[in-house]
Protein backbone atom coordinates (compact mmCIF):
# COMPACT_ATOMS: atom_id res chain seq x y z
CA MET A 1 -13.53 -22.94 9.99
CA ALA A 2 -9.23 -21.90 11.92
CA GLN A 3 -8.63 -19.93 14.76
CA LEU A 4 -6.31 -17.75 15.58
CA VAL A 5 -4.33 -15.61 18.86
CA VAL A 6 -2.23 -13.34 18.72
CA ARG A 7 -0.53 -13.13 21.76
CA ASN A 8 2.42 -9.86 22.89
CA LEU A 9 0.27 -7.12 20.48
CA GLU A 10 0.73 -3.70 21.41
CA ASP A 11 -1.86 -1.76 23.35
CA ASP A 12 -1.50 1.37 20.71
CA VAL A 13 -2.21 -1.02 17.73
CA LYS A 14 -4.79 -2.42 19.26
CA ALA A 15 -6.84 0.47 20.15
CA LYS A 16 -5.62 1.24 16.60
CA LEU A 17 -7.39 -1.11 15.29
CA GLN A 18 -10.44 -1.06 17.20
CA ALA A 19 -11.19 2.55 16.04
CA ARG A 20 -10.88 0.76 12.47
CA ALA A 21 -13.41 -1.64 13.45
CA LYS A 22 -14.92 1.57 14.74
CA ARG A 23 -15.05 3.31 12.01
CA HIS A 24 -16.52 0.35 9.56
CA ARG A 25 -19.05 -0.28 11.96
CA ARG A 26 -18.26 -4.39 13.07
CA SER A 27 -16.62 -5.90 15.96
CA LEU A 28 -12.64 -6.11 16.47
CA GLU A 29 -12.39 -9.36 14.69
CA ALA A 30 -14.09 -8.85 11.60
CA GLU A 31 -12.16 -6.37 11.84
CA VAL A 32 -8.85 -8.26 11.89
CA ARG A 33 -10.89 -11.10 10.06
CA ASP A 34 -11.11 -8.53 7.17
CA ILE A 35 -7.47 -7.18 7.09
CA LEU A 36 -5.95 -10.45 7.31
CA ARG A 37 -8.21 -11.93 4.69
CA ASP A 38 -7.18 -8.85 2.34
CA ALA A 39 -3.82 -9.09 3.21
CA ALA A 40 -3.37 -12.61 1.71
CA HIS A 41 -5.65 -12.04 -1.08
CA ARG A 42 -2.72 -9.46 -2.58
CA GLU A 43 0.10 -12.20 -1.99
CA ASP A 44 -2.01 -13.75 -5.20
CA GLN A 45 -1.56 -10.47 -7.26
CA PRO A 46 1.35 -10.32 -9.16
CA ARG A 47 3.70 -7.40 -7.54
CA CYS A 48 5.57 -4.49 -10.09
CA GLY A 49 7.97 -1.90 -9.67
CA LEU A 50 7.36 1.59 -8.54
CA GLY A 51 7.21 2.54 -12.02
CA SER A 52 5.08 0.22 -13.66
CA GLU A 53 2.75 1.62 -10.81
CA ILE A 54 2.97 5.11 -11.88
CA ALA A 55 2.22 4.27 -15.29
CA ALA A 56 -0.54 2.55 -14.52
CA LEU A 57 -1.83 5.56 -12.37
CA PHE A 58 -1.65 7.55 -15.93
CA LYS A 59 -1.34 5.39 -18.15
CA ASP A 60 -5.98 6.30 -19.30
CA LEU A 61 -4.89 9.87 -19.86
CA ASP A 62 -4.29 11.63 -23.25
CA PHE A 63 -0.55 12.61 -23.57
CA ASP A 64 0.33 14.34 -27.00
CA PHE A 65 4.11 14.47 -26.04
CA GLU A 66 7.26 11.42 -25.20
CA ILE A 67 8.81 11.49 -21.55
CA PRO A 68 12.34 10.53 -22.05
CA GLU A 69 13.64 7.00 -20.37
CA TRP A 70 17.14 8.31 -18.08
CA HIS A 71 17.95 4.86 -17.84
CA GLY A 72 21.97 5.04 -17.06
CA GLU A 73 21.67 8.85 -16.26
CA GLU A 74 23.91 9.97 -13.30
CA ILE A 75 21.15 11.79 -11.11
CA GLN A 76 23.75 15.15 -9.40
CA PRO A 77 21.86 16.93 -6.15
CA VAL A 78 20.23 20.27 -6.64
CA LYS A 79 21.77 23.30 -6.50
CA PHE A 80 19.53 25.64 -5.04
CA ASP A 81 22.48 28.36 -4.68
CA GLU A 82 22.83 29.44 -7.98
């Protein structure tokens, strides 16, 4: 297995990682290993846009109306004084 040394890590980042490790009841080393493993695995997953992510959240809901697309529509700022 490989080893990795991280230099010049900010103290507050280390403190937050230690707190996270404590919440998960494991060592700092195990916590960082899990974070890095998860980040590496996410790189293998295809990325989609925000709209697609929002649509995926609501895909199982049964709406009985269409939501119109706004492609090409000019966005107007909200006017609160009218």
